[in-house]
Structure formats: C-alpha cells, structure tokens
C-alpha cells in the first residue's frame, strides 16, 4: 500500500497550491479520503474529507471556502486545491484513506506547505 503526496512547497500569502495524493495497493474507490495537517506546536487538524464516490465533502471551518477536496477514482488520486493561502496554513499535510468495510487505514508520508512572504 502506498499513498504519496506531491505539490507542496513555498508560496506567498494569497497564493495557491494544489496537493495530490496518488494511491496504490488497495481498493481505492471503496475508501473515504481526507487531508490532515500538523503545524509545529499545534494539534493535528482534519482539513477536509470526501466520500468514496466523491458525492459528499466536508471541511474544517478554518479552510472552508478556500480549499477544495476532490478525487479521481480512475486515476486513483485525491487532490486538495488550496486558494487564498494564509501563513497559518503552514503545516505538514498528510493524506489518509480509511474504510471500515475494507478494514483499512492508510497514511501518506506527509508534505510540507509553507506560506510566507
């Protein structure tokens, strides 16, 4: 099983980034997916989630209206479009795949996003 994040980096406040999470080794379309982030000195935060079919999404109040989660079950990839980025969005972002039916809970290695001028 592999979940590999990409697309992170350094961006100025107000800028945009798109994170990707490419999956392999499990039945991707049966898994709910999510993005979490961990900032230094702060608790881990669930940023966004999406159902297996992609028909329902949810967001943390801190990112709602700025971030958009999506998935492509054919490409086995999840995305997080991040707009209007703020310095407080700086964190390591992790992708997660979970399925009670498949009894699976998988994590990526994390990717750094830094918002700074």
PDB file of N, CA and C in Angstrom:
ATOM      1  N   UNK A   1       0.840  -1.190   0.000  1.00  0.00           N
ATOM      2  CA  UNK A   1       0.000   0.000   0.000  1.00  0.00           C
ATOM      3  C   UNK A   1       0.877   1.243   0.000  1.00  0.00           C
ATOM      4  N   UNK A   2       0.548   2.169  -0.880  1.00  0.00           N
ATOM      5  CA  UNK A   2       1.273   3.435  -0.923  1.00  0.00           C
ATOM      6  C   UNK A   2       0.311   4.595  -1.113  1.00  0.00           C
ATOM      7  N   UNK A   3       0.550   5.659  -0.341  1.00  0.00           N
ATOM      8  CA  UNK A   3      -0.076   6.950  -0.549  1.00  0.00           C
ATOM      9  C   UNK A   3       1.058   7.956  -0.645  1.00  0.00           C
ATOM     10  N   UNK A   4       1.157   8.643  -1.768  1.00  0.00           N
ATOM     11  CA  UNK A   4       2.281   9.544  -1.995  1.00  0.00           C
ATOM     12  C   UNK A   4       1.760  10.940  -2.309  1.00  0.00           C
ATOM     13  N   UNK A   5       2.093  11.886  -1.406  1.00  0.00           N
ATOM     14  CA  UNK A   5       1.680  13.274  -1.609  1.00  0.00           C
ATOM     15  C   UNK A   5       2.694  14.008  -2.497  1.00  0.00           C
ATOM     16  N   UNK A   6       2.193  14.982  -3.231  1.00  0.00           N
ATOM     17  CA  UNK A   6       3.055  15.849  -4.026  1.00  0.00           C
ATOM     18  C   UNK A   6       2.382  17.212  -4.166  1.00  0.00           C
ATOM     19  N   UNK A   7       3.168  18.197  -4.595  1.00  0.00           N
ATOM     20  CA  UNK A   7       2.615  19.515  -4.875  1.00  0.00           C
ATOM     21  C   UNK A   7       2.827  20.559  -3.799  1.00  0.00           C
ATOM     22  N   UNK A   8       3.485  20.176  -2.716  1.00  0.00           N
ATOM     23  CA  UNK A   8       3.729  21.142  -1.660  1.00  0.00           C
ATOM     24  C   UNK A   8       4.855  22.093  -2.024  1.00  0.00           C
ATOM     25  N   UNK A   9       5.169  22.992  -1.088  1.00  0.00           N
ATOM     26  CA  UNK A   9       6.259  23.929  -1.316  1.00  0.00           C
ATOM     27  C   UNK A   9       6.036  25.239  -0.617  1.00  0.00           C
ATOM     28  N   UNK A  10       6.747  26.253  -1.089  1.00  0.00           N
ATOM     29  CA  UNK A  10       6.685  27.599  -0.526  1.00  0.00           C
ATOM     30  C   UNK A  10       5.836  28.492  -1.427  1.00  0.00           C
ATOM     31  N   UNK A  11       4.906  29.208  -0.807  1.00  0.00           N
ATOM     32  CA  UNK A  11       4.035  30.103  -1.562  1.00  0.00           C
ATOM     33  C   UNK A  11       3.809  31.364  -0.740  1.00  0.00           C
ATOM     34  N   UNK A  12       3.583  32.474  -1.417  1.00  0.00           N
ATOM     35  CA  UNK A  12       3.323  33.728  -0.715  1.00  0.00           C
ATOM     36  C   UNK A  12       1.882  33.775  -0.222  1.00  0.00           C
ATOM     37  N   UNK A  13       1.635  34.549   0.823  1.00  0.00           N
ATOM     38  CA  UNK A  13       0.241  34.724   1.280  1.00  0.00           C
ATOM     39  C   UNK A  13      -0.658  35.194   0.139  1.00  0.00           C
ATOM     40  N   UNK A  14      -1.840  34.599   0.073  1.00  0.00           N
ATOM     41  CA  UNK A  14      -2.770  34.898  -1.001  1.00  0.00           C
ATOM     42  C   UNK A  14      -2.613  34.012  -2.215  1.00  0.00           C
ATOM     43  N   UNK A  15      -1.560  33.227  -2.238  1.00  0.00           N
ATOM     44  CA  UNK A  15      -1.298  32.353  -3.368  1.00  0.00           C
ATOM     45  C   UNK A  15      -2.065  31.038  -3.289  1.00  0.00           C
ATOM     46  N   UNK A  16      -1.781  30.170  -4.259  1.00  0.00           N
ATOM     47  CA  UNK A  16      -2.469  28.884  -4.372  1.00  0.00           C
ATOM     48  C   UNK A  16      -1.481  27.742  -4.550  1.00  0.00           C
ATOM     49  N   UNK A  17      -1.897  26.586  -4.099  1.00  0.00           N
ATOM     50  CA  UNK A  17      -1.181  25.337  -4.342  1.00  0.00           C
ATOM     51  C   UNK A  17      -2.209  24.234  -4.546  1.00  0.00           C
ATOM     52  N   UNK A  18      -1.832  23.204  -5.281  1.00  0.00           N
ATOM     53  CA  UNK A  18      -2.674  22.023  -5.395  1.00  0.00           C
ATOM     54  C   UNK A  18      -1.878  20.808  -4.955  1.00  0.00           C
ATOM     55  N   UNK A  19      -2.333  20.174  -3.896  1.00  0.00           N
ATOM     56  CA  UNK A  19      -1.723  18.939  -3.428  1.00  0.00           C
ATOM     57  C   UNK A  19      -2.372  17.755  -4.129  1.00  0.00           C
ATOM     58  N   UNK A  20      -1.583  16.737  -4.379  1.00  0.00           N
ATOM     59  CA  UNK A  20      -2.078  15.479  -4.930  1.00  0.00           C
ATOM     60  C   UNK A  20      -1.671  14.344  -4.015  1.00  0.00           C
ATOM     61  N   UNK A  21      -2.485  13.300  -4.011  1.00  0.00           N
ATOM     62  CA  UNK A  21      -2.182  12.093  -3.239  1.00  0.00           C
ATOM     63  C   UNK A  21      -2.464  10.904  -4.149  1.00  0.00           C
ATOM     64  N   UNK A  22      -1.406  10.260  -4.608  1.00  0.00           N
ATOM     65  CA  UNK A  22      -1.530   9.122  -5.511  1.00  0.00           C
ATOM     66  C   UNK A  22      -1.510   7.833  -4.703  1.00  0.00           C
ATOM     67  N   UNK A  23      -2.471   6.945  -4.992  1.00  0.00           N
ATOM     68  CA  UNK A  23      -2.642   5.731  -4.193  1.00  0.00           C
ATOM     69  C   UNK A  23      -2.387   4.487  -5.015  1.00  0.00           C
ATOM     70  N   UNK A  24      -1.923   3.457  -4.338  1.00  0.00           N
ATOM     71  CA  UNK A  24      -1.747   2.152  -4.968  1.00  0.00           C
ATOM     72  C   UNK A  24      -1.809   1.071  -3.899  1.00  0.00           C
ATOM     73  N   UNK A  25      -2.176  -0.131  -4.319  1.00  0.00           N
ATOM     74  CA  UNK A  25      -2.116  -1.276  -3.413  1.00  0.00           C
ATOM     75  C   UNK A  25      -3.367  -1.582  -2.628  1.00  0.00           C
ATOM     76  N   UNK A  26      -4.445  -0.844  -2.873  1.00  0.00           N
ATOM     77  CA  UNK A  26      -5.702  -1.142  -2.192  1.00  0.00           C
ATOM     78  C   UNK A  26      -6.858  -0.693  -3.078  1.00  0.00           C
ATOM     79  N   UNK A  27      -8.082  -1.054  -2.664  1.00  0.00           N
ATOM     80  CA  UNK A  27      -9.270  -0.791  -3.465  1.00  0.00           C
ATOM     81  C   UNK A  27      -9.711   0.663  -3.260  1.00  0.00           C
ATOM     82  N   UNK A  28      -9.078   1.536  -3.977  1.00  0.00           N
ATOM     83  CA  UNK A  28      -9.182   2.991  -3.770  1.00  0.00           C
ATOM     84  C   UNK A  28     -10.622   3.487  -3.736  1.00  0.00           C
ATOM     85  N   UNK A  29     -11.465   3.009  -4.639  1.00  0.00           N
ATOM     86  CA  UNK A  29     -12.813   3.549  -4.769  1.00  0.00           C
ATOM     87  C   UNK A  29     -13.731   3.170  -3.616  1.00  0.00           C
ATOM     88  N   UNK A  30     -13.297   2.296  -2.748  1.00  0.00           N
ATOM     89  CA  UNK A  30     -14.088   1.906  -1.577  1.00  0.00           C
ATOM     90  C   UNK A  30     -13.696   2.681  -0.323  1.00  0.00           C
ATOM     91  N   UNK A  31     -12.750   3.593  -0.446  1.00  0.00           N
ATOM     92  CA  UNK A  31     -12.203   4.282   0.718  1.00  0.00           C
ATOM     93  C   UNK A  31     -12.639   5.742   0.770  1.00  0.00           C
ATOM     94  N   UNK A  32     -13.028   6.180   1.968  1.00  0.00           N
ATOM     95  CA  UNK A  32     -13.145   7.600   2.222  1.00  0.00           C
ATOM     96  C   UNK A  32     -11.741   8.178   2.344  1.00  0.00           C
ATOM     97  N   UNK A  33     -11.585   9.398   1.893  1.00  0.00           N
ATOM     98  CA  UNK A  33     -10.264  10.030   1.881  1.00  0.00           C
ATOM     99  C   UNK A  33     -10.293  11.350   2.637  1.00  0.00           C
ATOM    100  N   UNK A  34      -9.136  11.727   3.114  1.00  0.00           N
ATOM    101  CA  UNK A  34      -9.066  13.005   3.809  1.00  0.00           C
ATOM    102  C   UNK A  34      -7.668  13.581   3.806  1.00  0.00           C
ATOM    103  N   UNK A  35      -7.613  14.856   4.111  1.00  0.00           N
ATOM    104  CA  UNK A  35      -6.348  15.560   4.319  1.00  0.00           C
ATOM    105  C   UNK A  35      -6.298  16.048   5.761  1.00  0.00           C
ATOM    106  N   UNK A  36      -5.199  15.798   6.423  1.00  0.00           N
ATOM    107  CA  UNK A  36      -4.942  16.354   7.746  1.00  0.00           C
ATOM    108  C   UNK A  36      -3.646  17.147   7.690  1.00  0.00           C
ATOM    109  N   UNK A  37      -3.492  18.053   8.651  1.00  0.00           N
ATOM    110  CA  UNK A  37      -2.258  18.827   8.696  1.00  0.00           C
ATOM    111  C   UNK A  37      -1.763  18.931  10.128  1.00  0.00           C
ATOM    112  N   UNK A  38      -0.449  19.097  10.226  1.00  0.00           N
ATOM    113  CA  UNK A  38       0.212  19.203  11.527  1.00  0.00           C
ATOM    114  C   UNK A  38       1.153  20.388  11.470  1.00  0.00           C
ATOM    115  N   UNK A  39       0.853  21.400  12.247  1.00  0.00           N
ATOM    116  CA  UNK A  39       1.725  22.559  12.346  1.00  0.00           C
ATOM    117  C   UNK A  39       2.554  22.466  13.618  1.00  0.00           C
ATOM    118  N   UNK A  40       3.751  23.022  13.638  1.00  0.00           N
ATOM    119  CA  UNK A  40       4.589  22.949  14.842  1.00  0.00           C
ATOM    120  C   UNK A  40       3.874  23.525  16.059  1.00  0.00           C
ATOM    121  N   UNK A  41       3.855  22.745  17.134  1.00  0.00           N
ATOM    122  CA  UNK A  41       3.261  23.212  18.372  1.00  0.00           C
ATOM    123  C   UNK A  41       1.757  23.199  18.406  1.00  0.00           C
ATOM    124  N   UNK A  42       1.130  22.661  17.355  1.00  0.00           N
ATOM    125  CA  UNK A  42      -0.332  22.629  17.305  1.00  0.00           C
ATOM    126  C   UNK A  42      -0.823  21.195  17.171  1.00  0.00           C
ATOM    127  N   UNK A  43      -2.095  20.998  17.540  1.00  0.00           N
ATOM    128  CA  UNK A  43      -2.688  19.679  17.386  1.00  0.00           C
ATOM    129  C   UNK A  43      -2.948  19.388  15.912  1.00  0.00           C
ATOM    130  N   UNK A  44      -2.934  18.105  15.584  1.00  0.00           N
ATOM    131  CA  UNK A  44      -3.241  17.702  14.228  1.00  0.00           C
ATOM    132  C   UNK A  44      -4.682  18.063  13.915  1.00  0.00           C
ATOM    133  N   UNK A  45      -4.911  18.543  12.696  1.00  0.00           N
ATOM    134  CA  UNK A  45      -6.222  19.047  12.308  1.00  0.00           C
ATOM    135  C   UNK A  45      -6.719  18.330  11.060  1.00  0.00           C
ATOM    136  N   UNK A  46      -7.966  17.882  11.108  1.00  0.00           N
ATOM    137  CA  UNK A  46      -8.602  17.339   9.910  1.00  0.00           C
ATOM    138  C   UNK A  46      -9.034  18.524   9.048  1.00  0.00           C
ATOM    139  N   UNK A  47      -8.488  18.609   7.858  1.00  0.00           N
ATOM    140  CA  UNK A  47      -8.731  19.757   6.993  1.00  0.00           C
ATOM    141  C   UNK A  47      -9.940  19.541   6.096  1.00  0.00           C
ATOM    142  N   UNK A  48     -10.006  18.361   5.468  1.00  0.00           N
ATOM    143  CA  UNK A  48     -11.088  18.092   4.514  1.00  0.00           C
ATOM    144  C   UNK A  48     -11.251  16.594   4.349  1.00  0.00           C
ATOM    145  N   UNK A  49     -12.480  16.188   3.984  1.00  0.00           N
ATOM    146  CA  UNK A  49     -12.770  14.791   3.741  1.00  0.00           C
ATOM    147  C   UNK A  49     -13.686  14.625   2.555  1.00  0.00           C
ATOM    148  N   UNK A  50     -13.662  13.433   1.957  1.00  0.00           N
ATOM    149  CA  UNK A  50     -14.511  13.151   0.803  1.00  0.00           C
ATOM    150  C   UNK A  50     -14.917  11.689   0.847  1.00  0.00           C
ATOM    151  N   UNK A  51     -16.167  11.435   0.473  1.00  0.00           N
ATOM    152  CA  UNK A  51     -16.701  10.079   0.499  1.00  0.00           C
ATOM    153  C   UNK A  51     -16.114   9.233  -0.636  1.00  0.00           C
ATOM    154  N   UNK A  52     -16.299   7.909  -0.569  1.00  0.00           N
ATOM    155  CA  UNK A  52     -15.714   7.046  -1.617  1.00  0.00           C
ATOM    156  C   UNK A  52     -16.147   7.408  -3.035  1.00  0.00           C
ATOM    157  N   UNK A  53     -17.406   7.784  -3.202  1.00  0.00           N
ATOM    158  CA  UNK A  53     -17.880   8.126  -4.544  1.00  0.00           C
ATOM    159  C   UNK A  53     -17.567   9.568  -4.924  1.00  0.00           C
ATOM    160  N   UNK A  54     -17.198  10.369  -3.942  1.00  0.00           N
ATOM    161  CA  UNK A  54     -16.917  11.774  -4.196  1.00  0.00           C
ATOM    162  C   UNK A  54     -18.137  12.664  -4.163  1.00  0.00           C
ATOM    163  N   UNK A  55     -19.296  12.125  -3.742  1.00  0.00           N
ATOM    164  CA  UNK A  55     -20.525  12.906  -3.803  1.00  0.00           C
ATOM    165  C   UNK A  55     -20.725  13.800  -2.591  1.00  0.00           C
ATOM    166  N   UNK A  56     -19.880  13.660  -1.584  1.00  0.00           N
ATOM    167  CA  UNK A  56     -20.022  14.492  -0.392  1.00  0.00           C
ATOM    168  C   UNK A  56     -18.643  14.863   0.137  1.00  0.00           C
ATOM    169  N   UNK A  57     -18.504  16.125   0.547  1.00  0.00           N
ATOM    170  CA  UNK A  57     -17.241  16.620   1.086  1.00  0.00           C
ATOM    171  C   UNK A  57     -17.503  17.363   2.390  1.00  0.00           C
ATOM    172  N   UNK A  58     -16.463  17.506   3.173  1.00  0.00           N
ATOM    173  CA  UNK A  58     -16.561  18.272   4.413  1.00  0.00           C
ATOM    174  C   UNK A  58     -15.245  19.004   4.628  1.00  0.00           C
ATOM    175  N   UNK A  59     -15.329  20.132   5.371  1.00  0.00           N
ATOM    176  CA  UNK A  59     -14.160  20.975   5.569  1.00  0.00           C
ATOM    177  C   UNK A  59     -14.100  21.504   6.993  1.00  0.00           C
ATOM    178  N   UNK A  60     -12.888  21.712   7.454  1.00  0.00           N
ATOM    179  CA  UNK A  60     -12.694  22.432   8.701  1.00  0.00           C
ATOM    180  C   UNK A  60     -13.128  23.877   8.504  1.00  0.00           C
ATOM    181  N   UNK A  61     -13.710  24.500   9.521  1.00  0.00           N
ATOM    182  CA  UNK A  61     -14.085  25.915   9.389  1.00  0.00           C
ATOM    183  C   UNK A  61     -12.907  26.810   9.005  1.00  0.00           C
ATOM    184  N   UNK A  62     -11.712  26.411   9.371  1.00  0.00           N
ATOM    185  CA  UNK A  62     -10.541  27.250   9.094  1.00  0.00           C
ATOM    186  C   UNK A  62     -10.186  27.312   7.609  1.00  0.00           C
ATOM    187  N   UNK A  63     -10.684  26.360   6.815  1.00  0.00           N
ATOM    188  CA  UNK A  63     -10.336  26.335   5.392  1.00  0.00           C
ATOM    189  C   UNK A  63     -11.547  26.411   4.477  1.00  0.00           C
ATOM    190  N   UNK A  64     -12.740  26.319   5.040  1.00  0.00           N
ATOM    191  CA  UNK A  64     -13.948  26.298   4.222  1.00  0.00           C
ATOM    192  C   UNK A  64     -14.051  27.563   3.377  1.00  0.00           C
ATOM    193  N   UNK A  65     -14.332  27.366   2.097  1.00  0.00           N
ATOM    194  CA  UNK A  65     -14.410  28.489   1.177  1.00  0.00           C
ATOM    195  C   UNK A  65     -13.095  28.807   0.495  1.00  0.00           C
ATOM    196  N   UNK A  66     -12.002  28.236   0.984  1.00  0.00           N
ATOM    197  CA  UNK A  66     -10.680  28.473   0.382  1.00  0.00           C
ATOM    198  C   UNK A  66     -10.086  27.201  -0.201  1.00  0.00           C
ATOM    199  N   UNK A  67     -10.368  26.055   0.418  1.00  0.00           N
ATOM    200  CA  UNK A  67      -9.822  24.780  -0.024  1.00  0.00           C
ATOM    201  C   UNK A  67     -10.930  23.944  -0.667  1.00  0.00           C
ATOM    202  N   UNK A  68     -10.546  23.121  -1.651  1.00  0.00           N
ATOM    203  CA  UNK A  68     -11.480  22.207  -2.288  1.00  0.00           C
ATOM    204  C   UNK A  68     -10.835  20.832  -2.404  1.00  0.00           C
ATOM    205  N   UNK A  69     -11.515  19.831  -1.855  1.00  0.00           N
ATOM    206  CA  UNK A  69     -11.040  18.455  -1.957  1.00  0.00           C
ATOM    207  C   UNK A  69     -11.771  17.775  -3.109  1.00  0.00           C
ATOM    208  N   UNK A  70     -11.051  16.919  -3.830  1.00  0.00           N
ATOM    209  CA  UNK A  70     -11.660  16.178  -4.926  1.00  0.00           C
ATOM    210  C   UNK A  70     -10.905  14.872  -5.108  1.00  0.00           C
ATOM    211  N   UNK A  71     -11.470  13.990  -5.911  1.00  0.00           N
ATOM    212  CA  UNK A  71     -10.830  12.714  -6.168  1.00  0.00           C
ATOM    213  C   UNK A  71     -11.145  12.247  -7.571  1.00  0.00           C
ATOM    214  N   UNK A  72     -10.259  11.427  -8.108  1.00  0.00           N
ATOM    215  CA  UNK A  72     -10.446  10.786  -9.408  1.00  0.00           C
ATOM    216  C   UNK A  72     -10.223   9.296  -9.176  1.00  0.00           C
ATOM    217  N   UNK A  73     -11.320   8.543  -9.141  1.00  0.00           N
ATOM    218  CA  UNK A  73     -11.197   7.119  -8.818  1.00  0.00           C
ATOM    219  C   UNK A  73     -10.566   6.325  -9.960  1.00  0.00           C
ATOM    220  N   UNK A  74     -10.593   6.842 -11.158  1.00  0.00           N
ATOM    221  CA  UNK A  74      -9.929   6.167 -12.277  1.00  0.00           C
ATOM    222  C   UNK A  74      -8.414   6.339 -12.156  1.00  0.00           C
ATOM    223  N   UNK A  75      -7.995   7.551 -11.834  1.00  0.00           N
ATOM    224  CA  UNK A  75      -6.557   7.833 -11.664  1.00  0.00           C
ATOM    225  C   UNK A  75      -6.057   7.460 -10.283  1.00  0.00           C
ATOM    226  N   UNK A  76      -6.967   7.083  -9.383  1.00  0.00           N
ATOM    227  CA  UNK A  76      -6.591   6.696  -8.024  1.00  0.00           C
ATOM    228  C   UNK A  76      -5.834   7.825  -7.341  1.00  0.00           C
ATOM    229  N   UNK A  77      -6.352   9.006  -7.476  1.00  0.00           N
ATOM    230  CA  UNK A  77      -5.672  10.184  -6.942  1.00  0.00           C
ATOM    231  C   UNK A  77      -6.669  11.110  -6.276  1.00  0.00           C
ATOM    232  N   UNK A  78      -6.235  11.718  -5.177  1.00  0.00           N
ATOM    233  CA  UNK A  78      -7.016  12.725  -4.466  1.00  0.00           C
ATOM    234  C   UNK A  78      -6.276  14.048  -4.571  1.00  0.00           C
ATOM    235  N   UNK A  79      -7.048  15.123  -4.528  1.00  0.00           N
ATOM    236  CA  UNK A  79      -6.471  16.453  -4.671  1.00  0.00           C
ATOM    237  C   UNK A  79      -6.954  17.378  -3.554  1.00  0.00           C
ATOM    238  N   UNK A  80      -6.150  18.384  -3.274  1.00  0.00           N
ATOM    239  CA  UNK A  80      -6.574  19.462  -2.397  1.00  0.00           C
ATOM    240  C   UNK A  80      -6.139  20.768  -3.047  1.00  0.00           C
ATOM    241  N   UNK A  81      -7.107  21.481  -3.585  1.00  0.00           N
ATOM    242  CA  UNK A  81      -6.842  22.799  -4.162  1.00  0.00           C
ATOM    243  C   UNK A  81      -6.911  23.820  -3.042  1.00  0.00           C
ATOM    244  N   UNK A  82      -5.823  24.522  -2.827  1.00  0.00           N
ATOM    245  CA  UNK A  82      -5.729  25.486  -1.731  1.00  0.00           C
ATOM    246  C   UNK A  82      -5.550  26.882  -2.312  1.00  0.00           C
ATOM    247  N   UNK A  83      -6.540  27.728  -2.083  1.00  0.00           N
ATOM    248  CA  UNK A  83      -6.505  29.105  -2.566  1.00  0.00           C
ATOM    249  C   UNK A  83      -6.471  30.077  -1.388  1.00  0.00           C
ATOM    250  N   UNK A  84      -6.125  31.309  -1.677  1.00  0.00           N
ATOM    251  CA  UNK A  84      -6.080  32.362  -0.648  1.00  0.00           C
ATOM    252  C   UNK A  84      -5.313  31.895   0.585  1.00  0.00           C
ATOM    253  N   UNK A  85      -4.161  31.334   0.352  1.00  0.00           N
ATOM    254  CA  UNK A  85      -3.385  30.753   1.448  1.00  0.00           C
ATOM    255  C   UNK A  85      -2.924  31.814   2.433  1.00  0.00           C
ATOM    256  N   UNK A  86      -2.897  31.398   3.698  1.00  0.00           N
ATOM    257  CA  UNK A  86      -2.510  32.273   4.796  1.00  0.00           C
ATOM    258  C   UNK A  86      -1.294  31.677   5.507  1.00  0.00           C
ATOM    259  N   UNK A  87      -0.520  32.486   6.203  1.00  0.00           N
ATOM    260  CA  UNK A  87       0.629  31.927   6.954  1.00  0.00           C
ATOM    261  C   UNK A  87       0.211  30.829   7.928  1.00  0.00           C
ATOM    262  N   UNK A  88      -0.993  30.923   8.482  1.00  0.00           N
ATOM    263  CA  UNK A  88      -1.445  29.894   9.423  1.00  0.00           C
ATOM    264  C   UNK A  88      -1.791  28.573   8.752  1.00  0.00           C
ATOM    265  N   UNK A  89      -1.758  28.532   7.420  1.00  0.00           N
ATOM    266  CA  UNK A  89      -1.924  27.264   6.703  1.00  0.00           C
ATOM    267  C   UNK A  89      -0.614  26.484   6.632  1.00  0.00           C
ATOM    268  N   UNK A  90       0.471  27.084   7.067  1.00  0.00           N
ATOM    269  CA  UNK A  90       1.759  26.414   7.066  1.00  0.00           C
ATOM    270  C   UNK A  90       1.716  25.186   7.960  1.00  0.00           C
ATOM    271  N   UNK A  91       2.060  24.040   7.380  1.00  0.00           N
ATOM    272  CA  UNK A  91       1.993  22.763   8.103  1.00  0.00           C
ATOM    273  C   UNK A  91       2.511  21.654   7.207  1.00  0.00           C
ATOM    274  N   UNK A  92       2.673  20.485   7.805  1.00  0.00           N
ATOM    275  CA  UNK A  92       2.868  19.267   7.026  1.00  0.00           C
ATOM    276  C   UNK A  92       1.480  18.689   6.776  1.00  0.00           C
ATOM    277  N   UNK A  93       1.192  18.419   5.514  1.00  0.00           N
ATOM    278  CA  UNK A  93      -0.116  17.894   5.112  1.00  0.00           C
ATOM    279  C   UNK A  93      -0.003  16.396   4.818  1.00  0.00           C
ATOM    280  N   UNK A  94      -0.957  15.647   5.372  1.00  0.00           N
ATOM    281  CA  UNK A  94      -0.978  14.200   5.218  1.00  0.00           C
ATOM    282  C   UNK A  94      -2.275  13.772   4.528  1.00  0.00           C
ATOM    283  N   UNK A  95      -2.175  12.816   3.626  1.00  0.00           N
ATOM    284  CA  UNK A  95      -3.395  12.233   3.079  1.00  0.00           C
ATOM    285  C   UNK A  95      -3.675  10.911   3.785  1.00  0.00           C
ATOM    286  N   UNK A  96      -4.967  10.607   3.867  1.00  0.00           N
ATOM    287  CA  UNK A  96      -5.439   9.448   4.612  1.00  0.00           C
ATOM    288  C   UNK A  96      -6.531   8.744   3.833  1.00  0.00           C
ATOM    289  N   UNK A  97      -6.515   7.433   3.867  1.00  0.00           N
ATOM    290  CA  UNK A  97      -7.565   6.617   3.252  1.00  0.00           C
ATOM    291  C   UNK A  97      -8.073   5.648   4.304  1.00  0.00           C
ATOM    292  N   UNK A  98      -9.392   5.604   4.483  1.00  0.00           N
ATOM    293  CA  UNK A  98      -9.952   4.759   5.532  1.00  0.00           C
ATOM    294  C   UNK A  98     -11.219   4.077   5.036  1.00  0.00           C
ATOM    295  N   UNK A  99     -11.370   2.812   5.435  1.00  0.00           N
ATOM    296  CA  UNK A  99     -12.561   2.057   5.085  1.00  0.00           C
ATOM    297  C   UNK A  99     -12.847   1.041   6.174  1.00  0.00           C
ATOM    298  N   UNK A 100     -13.982   1.202   6.847  1.00  0.00           N
ATOM    299  CA  UNK A 100     -14.389   0.199   7.835  1.00  0.00           C
ATOM    300  C   UNK A 100     -14.729  -1.111   7.143  1.00  0.00           C
ATOM    301  N   UNK A 101     -15.326  -1.019   5.953  1.00  0.00           N
ATOM    302  CA  UNK A 101     -15.705  -2.220   5.204  1.00  0.00           C
ATOM    303  C   UNK A 101     -14.485  -3.026   4.789  1.00  0.00           C
ATOM    304  N   UNK A 102     -13.444  -2.325   4.325  1.00  0.00           N
ATOM    305  CA  UNK A 102     -12.215  -2.989   3.882  1.00  0.00           C
ATOM    306  C   UNK A 102     -11.231  -3.182   5.030  1.00  0.00           C
ATOM    307  N   UNK A 103     -11.567  -2.631   6.212  1.00  0.00           N
ATOM    308  CA  UNK A 103     -10.686  -2.714   7.381  1.00  0.00           C
ATOM    309  C   UNK A 103      -9.303  -2.154   7.066  1.00  0.00           C
ATOM    310  N   UNK A 104      -9.278  -0.982   6.486  1.00  0.00           N
ATOM    311  CA  UNK A 104      -8.009  -0.361   6.129  1.00  0.00           C
ATOM    312  C   UNK A 104      -7.932   1.079   6.605  1.00  0.00           C
ATOM    313  N   UNK A 105      -6.739   1.523   6.984  1.00  0.00           N
ATOM    314  CA  UNK A 105      -6.485   2.896   7.427  1.00  0.00           C
ATOM    315  C   UNK A 105      -5.050   3.216   7.046  1.00  0.00           C
ATOM    316  N   UNK A 106      -4.870   3.999   5.986  1.00  0.00           N
ATOM    317  CA  UNK A 106      -3.548   4.227   5.421  1.00  0.00           C
ATOM    318  C   UNK A 106      -3.216   5.709   5.388  1.00  0.00           C
ATOM    319  N   UNK A 107      -1.898   5.984   5.528  1.00  0.00           N
ATOM    320  CA  UNK A 107      -1.423   7.368   5.568  1.00  0.00           C
ATOM    321  C   UNK A 107      -0.265   7.572   4.605  1.00  0.00           C
ATOM    322  N   UNK A 108      -0.204   8.776   4.053  1.00  0.00           N
ATOM    323  CA  UNK A 108       0.960   9.178   3.298  1.00  0.00           C
ATOM    324  C   UNK A 108       2.065   9.635   4.237  1.00  0.00           C
ATOM    325  N   UNK A 109       3.216   9.962   3.650  1.00  0.00           N
ATOM    326  CA  UNK A 109       4.373  10.340   4.455  1.00  0.00           C
ATOM    327  C   UNK A 109       4.352  11.811   4.862  1.00  0.00           C
ATOM    328  N   UNK A 110       3.489  12.573   4.251  1.00  0.00           N
ATOM    329  CA  UNK A 110       3.369  13.996   4.572  1.00  0.00           C
ATOM    330  C   UNK A 110       4.172  14.860   3.624  1.00  0.00           C
ATOM    331  N   UNK A 111       3.691  16.080   3.414  1.00  0.00           N
ATOM    332  CA  UNK A 111       4.380  17.028   2.553  1.00  0.00           C
ATOM    333  C   UNK A 111       4.271  18.424   3.151  1.00  0.00           C
ATOM    334  N   UNK A 112       5.362  19.156   3.076  1.00  0.00           N
ATOM    335  CA  UNK A 112       5.426  20.480   3.698  1.00  0.00           C
ATOM    336  C   UNK A 112       4.779  21.535   2.804  1.00  0.00           C
ATOM    337  N   UNK A 113       3.926  22.348   3.416  1.00  0.00           N
ATOM    338  CA  UNK A 113       3.390  23.548   2.785  1.00  0.00           C
ATOM    339  C   UNK A 113       3.784  24.732   3.660  1.00  0.00           C
ATOM    340  N   UNK A 114       4.456  25.691   3.066  1.00  0.00           N
ATOM    341  CA  UNK A 114       4.892  26.883   3.794  1.00  0.00           C
ATOM    342  C   UNK A 114       4.342  28.124   3.110  1.00  0.00           C
ATOM    343  N   UNK A 115       3.614  28.925   3.874  1.00  0.00           N
ATOM    344  CA  UNK A 115       3.040  30.163   3.348  1.00  0.00           C
ATOM    345  C   UNK A 115       3.761  31.322   4.027  1.00  0.00           C
ATOM    346  N   UNK A 116       4.562  32.015   3.251  1.00  0.00           N
ATOM    347  CA  UNK A 116       5.391  33.075   3.820  1.00  0.00           C
ATOM    348  C   UNK A 116       5.810  34.052   2.732  1.00  0.00           C
ATOM    349  N   UNK A 117       5.959  35.306   3.130  1.00  0.00           N
ATOM    350  CA  UNK A 117       6.455  36.302   2.196  1.00  0.00           C
ATOM    351  C   UNK A 117       7.962  36.451   2.326  1.00  0.00           C
TER     352      UNK A 117
END
